[in-house]
């Protein structure tokens, strides 16, 4: 099965595609746009994902990833560049996935520390791209733009859950 770029964004105006892909002016005007896209994704988590259960968070995350694949891939095409830095919708939709299973991450650790840790781990894994994450960028079109961020978020989530499990069983 070959991954294909979704067709529907081709019918959107260029201004709309680029505004969505760059989160308006955030990706185009601020230094370190990926970091600011991640900050926006953290806000997205706190407003939308925070009260959701596990299944709803996974479904909403999957929908967000699909939309990001479509929009980011179309933005790549219209800008004529592979994974342009100003395109930050991928960080935005991936960031909430760092906190899947949120209730299990808090407890002896205050929520602000979990936010900070998830943010830092996500940025680390998104930039360094260890554990084969870098290879995901080779997927075609928007799939390559988004898949590495989703993987970085899921690895961050796994590391935090592992740390919490170790703390509860051996440190607390």
Protein backbone atom coordinates (compact mmCIF):
# COMPACT_ATOMS: atom_id res chain seq x y z
CA UNK A 1 0.00 0.00 0.00
CA UNK A 2 1.40 3.35 -1.03
CA UNK A 3 0.68 6.41 1.10
CA UNK A 4 -0.84 9.18 -0.94
CA UNK A 5 -1.31 12.83 -0.27
CA UNK A 6 -4.98 13.66 0.44
CA UNK A 7 -6.55 15.48 -2.50
CA UNK A 8 -9.04 17.82 -0.80
CA UNK A 9 -6.57 20.63 0.14
CA UNK A 10 -5.82 21.22 -3.55
CA UNK A 11 -9.15 23.02 -3.76
CA UNK A 12 -8.34 25.46 -0.96
CA UNK A 13 -6.88 28.90 -1.64
CA UNK A 14 -3.13 29.18 -1.09
CA UNK A 15 -3.62 31.80 1.64
CA UNK A 16 -5.85 29.39 3.56
CA UNK A 17 -3.45 26.44 3.23
CA UNK A 18 -0.46 28.50 4.34
CA UNK A 19 -2.33 30.19 7.19
CA UNK A 20 -3.34 26.79 8.57
CA UNK A 21 0.09 25.21 8.03
CA UNK A 22 1.92 28.07 9.73
CA UNK A 23 -0.71 28.70 12.44
CA UNK A 24 -1.21 32.17 11.06
CA UNK A 25 1.70 34.48 11.82
CA UNK A 26 3.35 32.15 14.38
CA UNK A 27 5.31 30.07 11.89
CA UNK A 28 6.13 32.99 9.62
CA UNK A 29 7.22 35.69 12.08
CA UNK A 30 8.64 34.17 15.25
CA UNK A 31 12.14 32.76 15.66
CA UNK A 32 12.23 29.02 16.45
CA UNK A 33 8.81 28.39 14.86
CA UNK A 34 8.79 24.67 15.77
CA UNK A 35 9.13 25.56 19.44
CA UNK A 36 6.30 28.09 19.21
CA UNK A 37 4.16 25.56 17.35
CA UNK A 38 4.79 23.17 20.24
CA UNK A 39 3.81 25.86 22.76
CA UNK A 40 0.58 26.37 20.80
CA UNK A 41 0.10 22.56 20.85
CA UNK A 42 0.49 22.58 24.63
CA UNK A 43 -2.26 25.19 24.85
CA UNK A 44 -4.33 23.05 22.46
CA UNK A 45 -3.90 20.12 24.85
CA UNK A 46 -4.94 22.13 27.91
CA UNK A 47 -8.05 23.58 26.25
CA UNK A 48 -9.30 20.63 24.16
CA UNK A 49 -7.61 17.36 25.18
CA UNK A 50 -7.25 17.78 28.94
CA UNK A 51 -10.80 16.69 29.86
CA UNK A 52 -10.98 13.90 27.27
CA UNK A 53 -10.67 10.22 28.00
CA UNK A 54 -8.09 7.97 26.38
CA UNK A 55 -10.22 6.87 23.40
CA UNK A 56 -11.49 10.36 22.57
CA UNK A 57 -7.94 11.75 22.78
CA UNK A 58 -6.62 9.07 20.41
CA UNK A 59 -9.46 9.63 17.93
CA UNK A 60 -9.08 13.42 18.01
CA UNK A 61 -5.30 13.01 17.68
CA UNK A 62 -5.75 10.77 14.63
CA UNK A 63 -8.13 13.26 13.03
CA UNK A 64 -5.69 16.09 13.73
CA UNK A 65 -2.83 14.08 12.25
CA UNK A 66 -4.82 13.40 9.08
CA UNK A 67 -5.71 17.08 8.64
CA UNK A 68 -2.07 18.02 9.29
CA UNK A 69 -0.85 15.49 6.70
CA UNK A 70 -3.20 17.02 4.14
CA UNK A 71 -2.46 20.67 4.92
CA UNK A 72 1.30 20.31 5.51
CA UNK A 73 1.76 18.28 2.33
CA UNK A 74 -0.14 20.86 0.30
CA UNK A 75 1.87 23.66 1.91
CA UNK A 76 5.09 21.87 0.93
CA UNK A 77 3.87 21.70 -2.65
CA UNK A 78 2.82 25.35 -2.79
CA UNK A 79 6.01 26.60 -1.15
CA UNK A 80 8.15 24.33 -3.33
CA UNK A 81 10.22 23.08 -0.37
CA UNK A 82 10.47 19.85 1.63
CA UNK A 83 9.29 20.23 5.26
CA UNK A 84 9.64 24.03 5.42
CA UNK A 85 10.47 25.38 8.88
CA UNK A 86 7.54 27.78 8.95
CA UNK A 87 5.08 24.90 8.59
CA UNK A 88 4.30 24.08 12.23
CA UNK A 89 0.85 22.50 12.14
CA UNK A 90 2.65 19.17 12.56
CA UNK A 91 4.10 20.19 15.96
CA UNK A 92 0.75 21.65 16.99
CA UNK A 93 -1.24 18.46 16.39
CA UNK A 94 1.48 16.13 17.74
CA UNK A 95 2.09 17.90 21.06
CA UNK A 96 -1.14 16.72 22.78
CA UNK A 97 -0.15 13.11 22.08
CA UNK A 98 2.71 13.51 24.57
CA UNK A 99 0.07 13.44 27.29
CA UNK A 100 -2.00 10.39 26.36
CA UNK A 101 -3.08 8.77 29.60
CA UNK A 102 -2.70 12.14 31.35
CA UNK A 103 -4.27 11.11 34.68
CA UNK A 104 -1.59 8.44 35.20
CA UNK A 105 1.18 11.02 34.75
CA UNK A 106 0.10 13.32 37.56
CA UNK A 107 0.02 12.52 41.25
CA UNK A 108 3.19 13.04 43.21
CA UNK A 109 4.38 15.12 40.24
CA UNK A 110 2.51 18.42 39.84
CA UNK A 111 0.79 19.06 36.49
CA UNK A 112 3.13 21.94 35.60
CA UNK A 113 6.13 19.59 35.90
CA UNK A 114 4.46 17.07 33.60
CA UNK A 115 3.73 19.86 31.07
CA UNK A 116 7.33 21.06 31.20
CA UNK A 117 8.75 17.54 30.95
CA UNK A 118 6.48 16.58 28.06
CA UNK A 119 7.32 19.78 26.21
CA UNK A 120 11.08 19.34 26.75
CA UNK A 121 11.06 15.67 25.74
CA UNK A 122 8.98 16.39 22.65
CA UNK A 123 11.34 19.15 21.50
CA UNK A 124 14.36 16.92 22.21
CA UNK A 125 12.98 13.97 20.23
CA UNK A 126 11.61 16.22 17.45
CA UNK A 127 15.00 17.87 16.95
CA UNK A 128 17.34 14.89 17.57
CA UNK A 129 15.04 12.33 15.90
CA UNK A 130 16.46 9.18 17.57
CA UNK A 131 15.03 5.62 17.46
CA UNK A 132 14.40 5.70 13.71
CA UNK A 133 12.24 8.81 13.91
CA UNK A 134 14.44 10.50 11.27
CA UNK A 135 13.55 7.81 8.69
CA UNK A 136 9.88 8.74 8.96
CA UNK A 137 10.66 12.03 7.23
CA UNK A 138 11.28 10.01 4.06
CA UNK A 139 7.59 9.15 3.77
CA UNK A 140 5.91 10.94 0.85
CA UNK A 141 4.48 14.45 1.06
CA UNK A 142 2.62 15.42 4.23
CA UNK A 143 3.06 11.95 5.72
CA UNK A 144 6.78 12.60 6.13
CA UNK A 145 6.18 16.06 7.59
CA UNK A 146 3.80 14.78 10.27
CA UNK A 147 4.91 11.21 11.05
CA UNK A 148 8.21 12.19 12.69
CA UNK A 149 6.39 14.59 15.03
CA UNK A 150 3.78 12.01 15.95
CA UNK A 151 6.57 9.52 16.69
CA UNK A 152 8.45 12.10 18.79
CA UNK A 153 5.27 12.75 20.78
CA UNK A 154 4.57 9.06 21.35
CA UNK A 155 8.16 8.39 22.45
CA UNK A 156 7.89 11.36 24.84
CA UNK A 157 4.65 9.94 26.21
CA UNK A 158 6.22 6.52 26.66
CA UNK A 159 9.24 7.95 28.46
CA UNK A 160 7.02 9.89 30.87
CA UNK A 161 4.84 6.85 31.60
CA UNK A 162 7.94 4.72 32.15
CA UNK A 163 9.41 7.34 34.49
CA UNK A 164 6.14 7.55 36.41
CA UNK A 165 5.95 3.75 36.69
CA UNK A 166 9.56 3.57 37.91
CA UNK A 167 8.89 6.35 40.43
CA UNK A 168 5.83 4.59 41.83
CA UNK A 169 7.53 1.20 42.07
CA UNK A 170 11.06 2.13 43.08
CA UNK A 171 11.33 5.77 44.07
CA UNK A 172 8.21 6.88 45.83
